[in-house]
PDB file of N, CA and C in Angstrom:
ATOM      1  N   MET A   1       0.544  -1.087  -0.130  1.00  0.00           N
ATOM      2  CA  MET A   1      -0.049  -0.150  -0.196  1.00  0.00           C
ATOM      3  C   MET A   1       1.263   1.196  -0.315  1.00  0.00           C
ATOM      4  N   ARG A   2       0.776   2.093  -0.664  1.00  0.00           N
ATOM      5  CA  ARG A   2       1.131   3.431  -0.774  1.00  0.00           C
ATOM      6  C   ARG A   2       0.143   4.739  -0.292  1.00  0.00           C
ATOM      7  N   ALA A   3       0.917   5.446   0.420  1.00  0.00           N
ATOM      8  CA  ALA A   3      -0.063   7.049   0.938  1.00  0.00           C
ATOM      9  C   ALA A   3       0.371   7.937   0.044  1.00  0.00           C
ATOM     10  N   SER A   4      -0.280   8.837  -0.555  1.00  0.00           N
ATOM     11  CA  SER A   4      -0.066   9.584  -0.976  1.00  0.00           C
ATOM     12  C   SER A   4      -0.492  11.283   0.021  1.00  0.00           C
ATOM     13  N   ALA A   5       0.403  12.023  -0.093  1.00  0.00           N
ATOM     14  CA  ALA A   5      -0.221  13.811   0.398  1.00  0.00           C
ATOM     15  C   ALA A   5      -0.846  14.700  -0.631  1.00  0.00           C
ATOM     16  N   ILE A   6      -1.719  14.973  -0.429  1.00  0.00           N
ATOM     17  CA  ILE A   6      -1.862  16.361  -1.445  1.00  0.00           C
ATOM     18  C   ILE A   6      -2.244  17.759  -0.237  1.00  0.00           C
ATOM     19  N   ILE A   7      -1.285  18.720  -0.434  1.00  0.00           N
ATOM     20  CA  ILE A   7      -0.825  19.664   0.367  1.00  0.00           C
ATOM     21  C   ILE A   7      -0.684  20.808  -0.778  1.00  0.00           C
ATOM     22  N   ILE A   8      -2.151  21.658  -0.200  1.00  0.00           N
ATOM     23  CA  ILE A   8      -2.613  22.261  -0.895  1.00  0.00           C
ATOM     24  C   ILE A   8      -2.265  24.296  -0.426  1.00  0.00           C
ATOM     25  N   GLN A   9      -1.389  25.165  -0.740  1.00  0.00           N
ATOM     26  CA  GLN A   9      -0.998  26.298   0.499  1.00  0.00           C
ATOM     27  C   GLN A   9      -0.872  27.154  -0.481  1.00  0.00           C
ATOM     28  N   ASP A  10      -1.521  28.576  -0.220  1.00  0.00           N
ATOM     29  CA  ASP A  10      -1.388  29.471  -0.994  1.00  0.00           C
ATOM     30  C   ASP A  10      -1.400  29.795  -2.731  1.00  0.00           C
ATOM     31  N   GLY A  11      -3.030  28.672  -3.351  1.00  0.00           N
ATOM     32  CA  GLY A  11      -3.317  28.115  -4.237  1.00  0.00           C
ATOM     33  C   GLY A  11      -2.253  27.914  -5.266  1.00  0.00           C
ATOM     34  N   LYS A  12      -1.227  26.894  -4.368  1.00  0.00           N
ATOM     35  CA  LYS A  12       0.148  26.127  -5.013  1.00  0.00           C
ATOM     36  C   LYS A  12      -0.465  24.895  -4.318  1.00  0.00           C
ATOM     37  N   ILE A  13      -0.018  23.209  -5.544  1.00  0.00           N
ATOM     38  CA  ILE A  13      -0.131  22.317  -4.963  1.00  0.00           C
ATOM     39  C   ILE A  13       1.325  21.928  -5.200  1.00  0.00           C
ATOM     40  N   LEU A  14       1.662  21.156  -3.895  1.00  0.00           N
ATOM     41  CA  LEU A  14       3.268  20.301  -4.214  1.00  0.00           C
ATOM     42  C   LEU A  14       3.262  18.913  -4.483  1.00  0.00           C
ATOM     43  N   LEU A  15       3.845  19.060  -5.774  1.00  0.00           N
ATOM     44  CA  LEU A  15       3.959  17.533  -6.645  1.00  0.00           C
ATOM     45  C   LEU A  15       5.457  17.551  -5.791  1.00  0.00           C
ATOM     46  N   ILE A  16       5.733  16.335  -6.639  1.00  0.00           N
ATOM     47  CA  ILE A  16       7.150  15.820  -6.844  1.00  0.00           C
ATOM     48  C   ILE A  16       7.416  15.754  -8.655  1.00  0.00           C
ATOM     49  N   HIS A  17       8.086  16.331  -9.095  1.00  0.00           N
ATOM     50  CA  HIS A  17       8.556  16.197 -10.877  1.00  0.00           C
ATOM     51  C   HIS A  17       9.595  15.249 -10.758  1.00  0.00           C
ATOM     52  N   ARG A  18       9.376  14.122 -11.602  1.00  0.00           N
ATOM     53  CA  ARG A  18      10.465  13.229 -11.425  1.00  0.00           C
ATOM     54  C   ARG A  18      11.000  12.930 -13.029  1.00  0.00           C
ATOM     55  N   HIS A  19      11.856  12.577 -13.138  1.00  0.00           N
ATOM     56  CA  HIS A  19      12.208  11.894 -14.377  1.00  0.00           C
ATOM     57  C   HIS A  19      12.656  10.766 -13.846  1.00  0.00           C
ATOM     58  N   LYS A  20      12.719   9.719 -14.897  1.00  0.00           N
ATOM     59  CA  LYS A  20      13.196   8.256 -14.793  1.00  0.00           C
ATOM     60  C   LYS A  20      12.936   7.572 -16.162  1.00  0.00           C
ATOM     61  N   ASN A  21      13.804   6.735 -16.047  1.00  0.00           N
ATOM     62  CA  ASN A  21      13.429   6.045 -17.347  1.00  0.00           C
ATOM     63  C   ASN A  21      13.214   6.473 -18.567  1.00  0.00           C
ATOM     64  N   GLY A  22      13.768   7.930 -19.130  1.00  0.00           N
ATOM     65  CA  GLY A  22      13.548   8.996 -20.080  1.00  0.00           C
ATOM     66  C   GLY A  22      12.452   9.380 -20.094  1.00  0.00           C
ATOM     67  N   GLN A  23      11.438   9.300 -19.353  1.00  0.00           N
ATOM     68  CA  GLN A  23      10.371  10.243 -18.357  1.00  0.00           C
ATOM     69  C   GLN A  23      10.159  11.154 -17.676  1.00  0.00           C
ATOM     70  N   GLU A  24       9.109  11.970 -18.340  1.00  0.00           N
ATOM     71  CA  GLU A  24       8.937  13.149 -17.165  1.00  0.00           C
ATOM     72  C   GLU A  24       7.889  12.993 -16.394  1.00  0.00           C
ATOM     73  N   TYR A  25       7.531  13.168 -15.504  1.00  0.00           N
ATOM     74  CA  TYR A  25       5.720  12.735 -15.087  1.00  0.00           C
ATOM     75  C   TYR A  25       5.929  13.217 -13.350  1.00  0.00           C
ATOM     76  N   TRP A  26       4.862  14.173 -12.892  1.00  0.00           N
ATOM     77  CA  TRP A  26       4.693  14.226 -11.975  1.00  0.00           C
ATOM     78  C   TRP A  26       4.136  13.528 -10.943  1.00  0.00           C
ATOM     79  N   VAL A  27       4.270  13.100  -9.107  1.00  0.00           N
ATOM     80  CA  VAL A  27       3.925  12.602  -8.639  1.00  0.00           C
ATOM     81  C   VAL A  27       3.454  13.816  -7.311  1.00  0.00           C
ATOM     82  N   PHE A  28       2.463  13.199  -6.003  1.00  0.00           N
ATOM     83  CA  PHE A  28       1.858  13.382  -4.989  1.00  0.00           C
ATOM     84  C   PHE A  28       2.975  13.179  -4.341  1.00  0.00           C
ATOM     85  N   PRO A  29       3.592  13.454  -2.859  1.00  0.00           N
ATOM     86  CA  PRO A  29       4.810  13.298  -2.615  1.00  0.00           C
ATOM     87  C   PRO A  29       3.750  11.988  -1.618  1.00  0.00           C
ATOM     88  N   GLY A  30       4.775  10.972  -1.268  1.00  0.00           N
ATOM     89  CA  GLY A  30       4.394   9.622  -0.659  1.00  0.00           C
ATOM     90  C   GLY A  30       4.717   9.005  -0.959  1.00  0.00           C
ATOM     91  N   GLY A  31       4.427   7.242  -0.266  1.00  0.00           N
ATOM     92  CA  GLY A  31       5.455   6.353  -0.713  1.00  0.00           C
ATOM     93  C   GLY A  31       4.407   4.929   0.448  1.00  0.00           C
ATOM     94  N   GLY A  32       5.476   3.980   0.300  1.00  0.00           N
ATOM     95  CA  GLY A  32       4.872   2.723   1.205  1.00  0.00           C
ATOM     96  C   GLY A  32       4.804   2.918   2.264  1.00  0.00           C
ATOM     97  N   VAL A  33       3.749   1.574   2.912  1.00  0.00           N
ATOM     98  CA  VAL A  33       3.529   1.574   4.253  1.00  0.00           C
ATOM     99  C   VAL A  33       4.609  -0.100   4.558  1.00  0.00           C
ATOM    100  N   GLU A  34       5.488   0.905   5.573  1.00  0.00           N
ATOM    101  CA  GLU A  34       6.428  -0.763   6.407  1.00  0.00           C
ATOM    102  C   GLU A  34       5.861  -1.432   6.968  1.00  0.00           C
ATOM    103  N   GLU A  35       6.326  -2.271   7.442  1.00  0.00           N
ATOM    104  CA  GLU A  35       5.884  -3.362   7.872  1.00  0.00           C
ATOM    105  C   GLU A  35       5.809  -2.396   9.428  1.00  0.00           C
ATOM    106  N   GLY A  36       4.963  -3.008  10.140  1.00  0.00           N
ATOM    107  CA  GLY A  36       4.688  -2.044  11.837  1.00  0.00           C
ATOM    108  C   GLY A  36       4.340  -0.478  11.530  1.00  0.00           C
ATOM    109  N   GLU A  37       3.990   0.057  10.494  1.00  0.00           N
ATOM    110  CA  GLU A  37       3.724   1.272  10.547  1.00  0.00           C
ATOM    111  C   GLU A  37       2.015   1.571  10.038  1.00  0.00           C
ATOM    112  N   THR A  38       1.581   2.180  10.751  1.00  0.00           N
ATOM    113  CA  THR A  38       0.046   3.083  10.108  1.00  0.00           C
ATOM    114  C   THR A  38       0.119   3.643   8.434  1.00  0.00           C
ATOM    115  N   VAL A  39      -0.583   3.993   8.367  1.00  0.00           N
ATOM    116  CA  VAL A  39      -0.856   4.768   6.978  1.00  0.00           C
ATOM    117  C   VAL A  39      -0.205   6.277   7.206  1.00  0.00           C
ATOM    118  N   GLU A  40      -0.819   6.319   8.382  1.00  0.00           N
ATOM    119  CA  GLU A  40      -0.434   8.069   8.856  1.00  0.00           C
ATOM    120  C   GLU A  40       0.723   8.343   8.606  1.00  0.00           C
ATOM    121  N   GLN A  41       1.554   6.700   9.581  1.00  0.00           N
ATOM    122  CA  GLN A  41       2.706   7.011   9.985  1.00  0.00           C
ATOM    123  C   GLN A  41       3.923   6.778   8.475  1.00  0.00           C
ATOM    124  N   ALA A  42       3.405   6.030   7.970  1.00  0.00           N
ATOM    125  CA  ALA A  42       3.711   6.074   6.482  1.00  0.00           C
ATOM    126  C   ALA A  42       4.014   7.614   5.819  1.00  0.00           C
ATOM    127  N   LEU A  43       3.186   8.312   5.639  1.00  0.00           N
ATOM    128  CA  LEU A  43       2.484   9.236   5.172  1.00  0.00           C
ATOM    129  C   LEU A  43       3.340  10.367   5.939  1.00  0.00           C
ATOM    130  N   VAL A  44       3.513   9.971   6.808  1.00  0.00           N
ATOM    131  CA  VAL A  44       4.507  11.632   7.735  1.00  0.00           C
ATOM    132  C   VAL A  44       5.611  11.773   7.309  1.00  0.00           C
ATOM    133  N   ARG A  45       6.320   9.857   7.273  1.00  0.00           N
ATOM    134  CA  ARG A  45       7.639   9.507   7.187  1.00  0.00           C
ATOM    135  C   ARG A  45       7.937   9.451   5.809  1.00  0.00           C
ATOM    136  N   GLU A  46       7.497   9.256   4.869  1.00  0.00           N
ATOM    137  CA  GLU A  46       7.318   9.671   2.912  1.00  0.00           C
ATOM    138  C   GLU A  46       7.528  11.266   2.552  1.00  0.00           C
ATOM    139  N   VAL A  47       6.661  11.888   2.948  1.00  0.00           N
ATOM    140  CA  VAL A  47       6.975  13.442   3.247  1.00  0.00           C
ATOM    141  C   VAL A  47       7.915  13.993   3.397  1.00  0.00           C
ATOM    142  N   GLU A  48       8.188  13.722   4.909  1.00  0.00           N
ATOM    143  CA  GLU A  48       9.567  14.929   5.183  1.00  0.00           C
ATOM    144  C   GLU A  48      10.610  13.877   4.320  1.00  0.00           C
ATOM    145  N   GLU A  49      11.129  12.269   4.350  1.00  0.00           N
ATOM    146  CA  GLU A  49      11.956  12.568   3.532  1.00  0.00           C
ATOM    147  C   GLU A  49      11.714  13.153   1.775  1.00  0.00           C
ATOM    148  N   GLU A  50      10.875  12.759   1.531  1.00  0.00           N
ATOM    149  CA  GLU A  50      11.070  13.447  -0.169  1.00  0.00           C
ATOM    150  C   GLU A  50      10.550  14.483  -0.073  1.00  0.00           C
ATOM    151  N   THR A  51      10.595  16.174   1.077  1.00  0.00           N
ATOM    152  CA  THR A  51      10.277  17.078   0.609  1.00  0.00           C
ATOM    153  C   THR A  51      10.582  18.099   2.022  1.00  0.00           C
ATOM    154  N   SER A  52      11.273  17.127   3.021  1.00  0.00           N
ATOM    155  CA  SER A  52      11.805  17.995   4.198  1.00  0.00           C
ATOM    156  C   SER A  52      10.544  18.220   4.969  1.00  0.00           C
ATOM    157  N   LEU A  53       9.700  18.851   4.463  1.00  0.00           N
ATOM    158  CA  LEU A  53       8.444  18.914   5.608  1.00  0.00           C
ATOM    159  C   LEU A  53       7.830  18.347   6.083  1.00  0.00           C
ATOM    160  N   LYS A  54       7.016  18.858   7.768  1.00  0.00           N
ATOM    161  CA  LYS A  54       6.324  18.385   8.688  1.00  0.00           C
ATOM    162  C   LYS A  54       4.546  18.738   8.151  1.00  0.00           C
ATOM    163  N   ILE A  55       4.344  17.653   8.120  1.00  0.00           N
ATOM    164  CA  ILE A  55       2.693  17.613   7.884  1.00  0.00           C
ATOM    165  C   ILE A  55       1.824  17.350   9.302  1.00  0.00           C
ATOM    166  N   ILE A  56       0.701  17.985   9.537  1.00  0.00           N
ATOM    167  CA  ILE A  56      -0.157  18.472   9.898  1.00  0.00           C
ATOM    168  C   ILE A  56      -1.558  18.105   9.506  1.00  0.00           C
ATOM    169  N   ASN A  57      -2.815  17.776  10.514  1.00  0.00           N
ATOM    170  CA  ASN A  57      -4.550  18.007  10.084  1.00  0.00           C
ATOM    171  C   ASN A  57      -4.004  17.280   8.937  1.00  0.00           C
ATOM    172  N   PHE A  58      -3.969  16.011   8.749  1.00  0.00           N
ATOM    173  CA  PHE A  58      -4.465  14.687   7.797  1.00  0.00           C
ATOM    174  C   PHE A  58      -6.077  14.046   7.440  1.00  0.00           C
ATOM    175  N   LYS A  59      -6.501  14.684   6.276  1.00  0.00           N
ATOM    176  CA  LYS A  59      -8.016  14.088   6.259  1.00  0.00           C
ATOM    177  C   LYS A  59      -7.949  12.714   4.583  1.00  0.00           C
ATOM    178  N   LEU A  60      -8.341  12.111   5.086  1.00  0.00           N
ATOM    179  CA  LEU A  60      -8.694  11.653   3.538  1.00  0.00           C
ATOM    180  C   LEU A  60      -9.346  11.956   2.888  1.00  0.00           C
ATOM    181  N   GLY A  61      -8.496  11.869   2.031  1.00  0.00           N
ATOM    182  CA  GLY A  61      -9.727  12.644   0.611  1.00  0.00           C
ATOM    183  C   GLY A  61     -10.200  11.741  -0.577  1.00  0.00           C
ATOM    184  N   PHE A  62      -9.836  10.774  -0.412  1.00  0.00           N
ATOM    185  CA  PHE A  62     -10.162   9.748  -1.951  1.00  0.00           C
ATOM    186  C   PHE A  62      -8.979   8.495  -2.093  1.00  0.00           C
ATOM    187  N   ARG A  63      -9.284   7.186  -2.485  1.00  0.00           N
ATOM    188  CA  ARG A  63      -8.704   6.273  -2.296  1.00  0.00           C
ATOM    189  C   ARG A  63      -8.411   5.984  -4.158  1.00  0.00           C
ATOM    190  N   ILE A  64      -7.011   4.989  -4.366  1.00  0.00           N
ATOM    191  CA  ILE A  64      -7.402   4.284  -5.936  1.00  0.00           C
ATOM    192  C   ILE A  64      -6.227   3.332  -5.930  1.00  0.00           C
ATOM    193  N   GLN A  65      -7.325   2.410  -6.163  1.00  0.00           N
ATOM    194  CA  GLN A  65      -7.043   0.925  -6.093  1.00  0.00           C
ATOM    195  C   GLN A  65      -6.320   0.705  -4.760  1.00  0.00           C
ATOM    196  N   ASN A  66      -7.259   1.292  -3.586  1.00  0.00           N
ATOM    197  CA  ASN A  66      -7.048   1.440  -2.215  1.00  0.00           C
ATOM    198  C   ASN A  66      -6.010   1.676  -1.558  1.00  0.00           C
ATOM    199  N   ASN A  67      -4.645   2.586  -2.132  1.00  0.00           N
ATOM    200  CA  ASN A  67      -3.968   3.325  -1.569  1.00  0.00           C
ATOM    201  C   ASN A  67      -5.105   5.103  -1.471  1.00  0.00           C
ATOM    202  N   PRO A  68      -4.842   5.326  -0.536  1.00  0.00           N
ATOM    203  CA  PRO A  68      -5.230   6.571  -0.035  1.00  0.00           C
ATOM    204  C   PRO A  68      -4.268   7.404  -0.239  1.00  0.00           C
ATOM    205  N   TYR A  69      -4.942   8.799  -0.857  1.00  0.00           N
ATOM    206  CA  TYR A  69      -4.590  10.455  -0.594  1.00  0.00           C
ATOM    207  C   TYR A  69      -5.214  11.191   0.324  1.00  0.00           C
ATOM    208  N   PHE A  70      -4.380  11.389   1.394  1.00  0.00           N
ATOM    209  CA  PHE A  70      -4.565  12.493   2.520  1.00  0.00           C
ATOM    210  C   PHE A  70      -4.932  13.573   1.927  1.00  0.00           C
ATOM    211  N   TYR A  71      -5.527  14.748   2.135  1.00  0.00           N
ATOM    212  CA  TYR A  71      -5.286  16.281   2.136  1.00  0.00           C
ATOM    213  C   TYR A  71      -4.455  16.798   3.272  1.00  0.00           C
ATOM    214  N   CYS A  72      -3.510  17.338   3.574  1.00  0.00           N
ATOM    215  CA  CYS A  72      -2.871  17.968   4.473  1.00  0.00           C
ATOM    216  C   CYS A  72      -2.677  19.513   4.420  1.00  0.00           C
ATOM    217  N   GLU A  73      -1.683  19.693   5.757  1.00  0.00           N
ATOM    218  CA  GLU A  73      -1.522  21.416   6.264  1.00  0.00           C
ATOM    219  C   GLU A  73       0.337  21.124   6.175  1.00  0.00           C
ATOM    220  N   VAL A  74       0.635  22.045   5.734  1.00  0.00           N
ATOM    221  CA  VAL A  74       2.524  22.444   6.195  1.00  0.00           C
ATOM    222  C   VAL A  74       1.907  22.479   7.317  1.00  0.00           C
ATOM    223  N   GLY A  75       3.142  21.573   8.410  1.00  0.00           N
ATOM    224  CA  GLY A  75       3.522  22.385   9.966  1.00  0.00           C
ATOM    225  C   GLY A  75       4.703  23.201  10.040  1.00  0.00           C
ATOM    226  N   SER A  76       5.751  22.698   8.961  1.00  0.00           N
ATOM    227  CA  SER A  76       6.941  23.483   9.415  1.00  0.00           C
ATOM    228  C   SER A  76       7.828  23.108   7.875  1.00  0.00           C
ATOM    229  N   GLY A  77       8.160  24.350   8.110  1.00  0.00           N
ATOM    230  CA  GLY A  77       9.646  23.158   6.512  1.00  0.00           C
ATOM    231  C   GLY A  77       9.233  23.872   5.233  1.00  0.00           C
ATOM    232  N   VAL A  78      10.414  23.689   4.181  1.00  0.00           N
ATOM    233  CA  VAL A  78      10.412  24.871   3.153  1.00  0.00           C
ATOM    234  C   VAL A  78      11.073  23.535   2.353  1.00  0.00           C
ATOM    235  N   PRO A  79      10.115  23.538   1.293  1.00  0.00           N
ATOM    236  CA  PRO A  79      10.322  21.806   0.439  1.00  0.00           C
ATOM    237  C   PRO A  79      11.689  22.288  -0.350  1.00  0.00           C
ATOM    238  N   HIS A  80      12.438  20.188  -0.218  1.00  0.00           N
ATOM    239  CA  HIS A  80      13.517  20.351  -0.743  1.00  0.00           C
ATOM    240  C   HIS A  80      14.138  18.818  -0.303  1.00  0.00           C
ATOM    241  N   LEU A  81      15.107  18.426  -1.114  1.00  0.00           N
ATOM    242  CA  LEU A  81      15.600  17.363  -0.890  1.00  0.00           C
ATOM    243  C   LEU A  81      16.100  16.916   0.447  1.00  0.00           C
ATOM    244  N   ILE A  82      16.220  15.930   1.244  1.00  0.00           N
ATOM    245  CA  ILE A  82      17.328  15.724   2.096  1.00  0.00           C
ATOM    246  C   ILE A  82      17.661  13.835   2.003  1.00  0.00           C
ATOM    247  N   GLY A  83      18.735  13.981   2.560  1.00  0.00           N
ATOM    248  CA  GLY A  83      19.247  12.666   3.196  1.00  0.00           C
ATOM    249  C   GLY A  83      19.439  11.800   2.170  1.00  0.00           C
ATOM    250  N   GLU A  84      19.048  10.297   1.848  1.00  0.00           N
ATOM    251  CA  GLU A  84      18.710   9.900   1.199  1.00  0.00           C
ATOM    252  C   GLU A  84      18.173   9.717  -0.248  1.00  0.00           C
ATOM    253  N   GLU A  85      16.767  10.837  -0.154  1.00  0.00           N
ATOM    254  CA  GLU A  85      16.159  11.054  -1.454  1.00  0.00           C
ATOM    255  C   GLU A  85      17.545  12.191  -1.999  1.00  0.00           C
ATOM    256  N   LEU A  86      17.745  12.956  -1.357  1.00  0.00           N
ATOM    257  CA  LEU A  86      19.265  13.288  -2.338  1.00  0.00           C
ATOM    258  C   LEU A  86      20.276  12.747  -2.911  1.00  0.00           C
ATOM    259  N   TYR A  87      20.784  11.956  -2.007  1.00  0.00           N
ATOM    260  CA  TYR A  87      22.072  11.075  -2.830  1.00  0.00           C
ATOM    261  C   TYR A  87      21.119   9.701  -4.069  1.00  0.00           C
ATOM    262  N   LYS A  88      19.800   9.736  -3.984  1.00  0.00           N
ATOM    263  CA  LYS A  88      19.782   8.709  -5.323  1.00  0.00           C
ATOM    264  C   LYS A  88      19.392   9.754  -6.625  1.00  0.00           C
ATOM    265  N   ASN A  89      19.144  11.083  -6.352  1.00  0.00           N
ATOM    266  CA  ASN A  89      19.564  11.543  -8.004  1.00  0.00           C
ATOM    267  C   ASN A  89      20.447  10.975  -8.856  1.00  0.00           C
ATOM    268  N   SER A  90      19.791  11.092  -9.659  1.00  0.00           N
ATOM    269  CA  SER A  90      21.268  10.922 -10.864  1.00  0.00           C
ATOM    270  C   SER A  90      20.392  11.748 -12.310  1.00  0.00           C
ATOM    271  N   PRO A  91      21.523  11.661 -12.979  1.00  0.00           N
ATOM    272  CA  PRO A  91      21.192  13.183 -14.461  1.00  0.00           C
ATOM    273  C   PRO A  91      20.095  11.757 -14.670  1.00  0.00           C
ATOM    274  N   VAL A  92      19.932  10.812 -15.393  1.00  0.00           N
ATOM    275  CA  VAL A  92      18.725  10.195 -15.731  1.00  0.00           C
ATOM    276  C   VAL A  92      17.628  10.199 -14.778  1.00  0.00           C
ATOM    277  N   ASP A  93      17.858   9.702 -13.534  1.00  0.00           N
ATOM    278  CA  ASP A  93      16.638   9.411 -12.463  1.00  0.00           C
ATOM    279  C   ASP A  93      17.117  10.640 -11.661  1.00  0.00           C
ATOM    280  N   HIS A  94      16.066  11.252 -11.725  1.00  0.00           N
ATOM    281  CA  HIS A  94      15.706  11.959 -10.289  1.00  0.00           C
ATOM    282  C   HIS A  94      14.325  13.141  -9.755  1.00  0.00           C
ATOM    283  N   HIS A  95      14.762  13.787  -9.198  1.00  0.00           N
ATOM    284  CA  HIS A  95      12.814  13.829  -8.753  1.00  0.00           C
ATOM    285  C   HIS A  95      13.486  15.313  -7.870  1.00  0.00           C
ATOM    286  N   GLN A  96      12.337  15.975  -7.339  1.00  0.00           N
ATOM    287  CA  GLN A  96      12.644  17.227  -6.919  1.00  0.00           C
ATOM    288  C   GLN A  96      10.843  17.982  -6.325  1.00  0.00           C
ATOM    289  N   PRO A  97      10.470  17.649  -5.502  1.00  0.00           N
ATOM    290  CA  PRO A  97       9.835  19.311  -4.929  1.00  0.00           C
ATOM    291  C   PRO A  97       9.102  19.978  -5.473  1.00  0.00           C
ATOM    292  N   GLU A  98       8.258  20.525  -6.013  1.00  0.00           N
ATOM    293  CA  GLU A  98       8.151  21.723  -6.344  1.00  0.00           C
ATOM    294  C   GLU A  98       6.516  22.364  -6.167  1.00  0.00           C
ATOM    295  N   TRP A  99       6.828  23.466  -5.533  1.00  0.00           N
ATOM    296  CA  TRP A  99       5.342  24.128  -5.712  1.00  0.00           C
ATOM    297  C   TRP A  99       4.203  24.883  -7.335  1.00  0.00           C
ATOM    298  N   ILE A 100       3.208  23.946  -7.799  1.00  0.00           N
ATOM    299  CA  ILE A 100       2.694  24.178  -8.768  1.00  0.00           C
ATOM    300  C   ILE A 100       1.707  25.296  -8.929  1.00  0.00           C
ATOM    301  N   ASP A 101       1.200  25.986  -9.244  1.00  0.00           N
ATOM    302  CA  ASP A 101       0.083  26.660  -9.111  1.00  0.00           C
ATOM    303  C   ASP A 101      -1.100  26.177  -9.905  1.00  0.00           C
ATOM    304  N   GLU A 102      -2.313  25.839  -9.123  1.00  0.00           N
ATOM    305  CA  GLU A 102      -3.712  25.612  -9.182  1.00  0.00           C
ATOM    306  C   GLU A 102      -3.585  25.162 -10.540  1.00  0.00           C
ATOM    307  N   ILE A 103      -3.767  26.219 -11.325  1.00  0.00           N
ATOM    308  CA  ILE A 103      -4.040  26.647 -12.410  1.00  0.00           C
ATOM    309  C   ILE A 103      -3.192  25.628 -13.120  1.00  0.00           C
ATOM    310  N   GLN A 104      -2.563  25.331 -12.960  1.00  0.00           N
ATOM    311  CA  GLN A 104      -1.120  24.280 -13.899  1.00  0.00           C
ATOM    312  C   GLN A 104      -1.222  22.941 -13.921  1.00  0.00           C
ATOM    313  N   ILE A 105      -1.892  22.577 -13.413  1.00  0.00           N
ATOM    314  CA  ILE A 105      -1.505  21.581 -12.875  1.00  0.00           C
ATOM    315  C   ILE A 105      -2.415  20.322 -14.126  1.00  0.00           C
ATOM    316  N   LYS A 106      -3.360  21.671 -14.702  1.00  0.00           N
ATOM    317  CA  LYS A 106      -4.085  20.840 -15.798  1.00  0.00           C
ATOM    318  C   LYS A 106      -3.215  19.423 -16.581  1.00  0.00           C
ATOM    319  N   ASN A 107      -2.318  20.833 -16.562  1.00  0.00           N
ATOM    320  CA  ASN A 107      -1.513  20.675 -18.136  1.00  0.00           C
ATOM    321  C   ASN A 107      -0.366  19.625 -18.205  1.00  0.00           C
ATOM    322  N   LEU A 108      -0.119  19.071 -16.813  1.00  0.00           N
ATOM    323  CA  LEU A 108       0.893  18.429 -16.231  1.00  0.00           C
ATOM    324  C   LEU A 108       0.517  16.859 -16.270  1.00  0.00           C
ATOM    325  N   ASN A 109       1.715  16.236 -16.739  1.00  0.00           N
ATOM    326  CA  ASN A 109       1.586  14.499 -16.555  1.00  0.00           C
ATOM    327  C   ASN A 109       1.732  14.178 -15.493  1.00  0.00           C
ATOM    328  N   ILE A 110       0.870  14.170 -14.696  1.00  0.00           N
ATOM    329  CA  ILE A 110       0.830  14.369 -13.166  1.00  0.00           C
ATOM    330  C   ILE A 110      -0.324  12.142 -12.819  1.00  0.00           C
ATOM    331  N   LEU A 111       0.781  11.225 -12.192  1.00  0.00           N
ATOM    332  CA  LEU A 111       0.510  10.774 -12.457  1.00  0.00           C
ATOM    333  C   LEU A 111      -0.093  10.061 -11.333  1.00  0.00           C
ATOM    334  N   PRO A 112      -0.807   8.803 -10.873  1.00  0.00           N
ATOM    335  CA  PRO A 112      -1.477   7.790 -11.610  1.00  0.00           C
ATOM    336  C   PRO A 112      -2.860   9.410 -12.032  1.00  0.00           C
ATOM    337  N   LEU A 113      -2.970   9.765 -13.225  1.00  0.00           N
ATOM    338  CA  LEU A 113      -4.767  10.175 -13.924  1.00  0.00           C
ATOM    339  C   LEU A 113      -5.556  10.171 -13.340  1.00  0.00           C
ATOM    340  N   GLU A 114      -5.495   9.055 -12.496  1.00  0.00           N
ATOM    341  CA  GLU A 114      -7.466   9.343 -11.447  1.00  0.00           C
ATOM    342  C   GLU A 114      -6.523  10.618 -10.180  1.00  0.00           C
ATOM    343  N   ALA A 115      -5.358  10.553 -10.068  1.00  0.00           N
ATOM    344  CA  ALA A 115      -5.322  10.862  -8.649  1.00  0.00           C
ATOM    345  C   ALA A 115      -5.755  12.720  -9.613  1.00  0.00           C
ATOM    346  N   LYS A 116      -4.613  12.811 -10.552  1.00  0.00           N
ATOM    347  CA  LYS A 116      -5.053  14.367 -10.790  1.00  0.00           C
ATOM    348  C   LYS A 116      -6.831  14.587 -11.193  1.00  0.00           C
ATOM    349  N   GLN A 117      -7.267  14.015 -11.432  1.00  0.00           N
ATOM    350  CA  GLN A 117      -8.700  14.194 -11.694  1.00  0.00           C
ATOM    351  C   GLN A 117      -9.276  14.362 -10.162  1.00  0.00           C
ATOM    352  N   GLN A 118      -9.078  13.522  -9.860  1.00  0.00           N
ATOM    353  CA  GLN A 118      -9.997  13.277  -7.963  1.00  0.00           C
ATOM    354  C   GLN A 118      -9.549  15.231  -7.378  1.00  0.00           C
ATOM    355  N   VAL A 119      -8.028  15.590  -8.188  1.00  0.00           N
ATOM    356  CA  VAL A 119      -7.827  17.372  -7.246  1.00  0.00           C
ATOM    357  C   VAL A 119      -8.143  17.811  -7.854  1.00  0.00           C
ATOM    358  N   LEU A 120      -8.533  17.620  -9.028  1.00  0.00           N
ATOM    359  CA  LEU A 120      -9.285  18.736 -10.265  1.00  0.00           C
ATOM    360  C   LEU A 120     -10.540  19.186  -9.326  1.00  0.00           C
ATOM    361  N   SER A 121     -11.225  17.892  -9.139  1.00  0.00           N
ATOM    362  CA  SER A 121     -12.339  17.913  -9.415  1.00  0.00           C
ATOM    363  C   SER A 121     -12.830  18.924  -8.428  1.00  0.00           C
ATOM    364  N   LYS A 122     -11.907  19.186  -7.463  1.00  0.00           N
ATOM    365  CA  LYS A 122     -12.461  19.610  -5.992  1.00  0.00           C
ATOM    366  C   LYS A 122     -11.366  20.927  -5.702  1.00  0.00           C
ATOM    367  N   LEU A 123     -10.418  21.410  -6.862  1.00  0.00           N
ATOM    368  CA  LEU A 123     -10.668  22.559  -6.886  1.00  0.00           C
ATOM    369  C   LEU A 123     -12.033  23.905  -7.403  1.00  0.00           C
TER     370      LEU A 123
END
């Protein structure tokens, strides 16, 4: 199972800009639930690993193939890569957290498409 965060602040949405295997796309911050973790614990850990942000006030927004997407707020921090995520980046496989204007997301290759559609329907 994968838990993902939808973080909207000041008219912008936080996305992870990915370049992998020659493809460019965007995803919502998040990742897999590890053994012994709750979904919420995984969400907090993954968002911090991918963006350095501390998130608060999670509310389940929707599920896609049993993977939950939570609307969250930023508790503290400024998005940037840290630790292991920073060192995983290479010229052909890298990712970066970026704030994107809400009106721009309809033109981006956001995966999965169902998540993009769900978020757009609530803007």
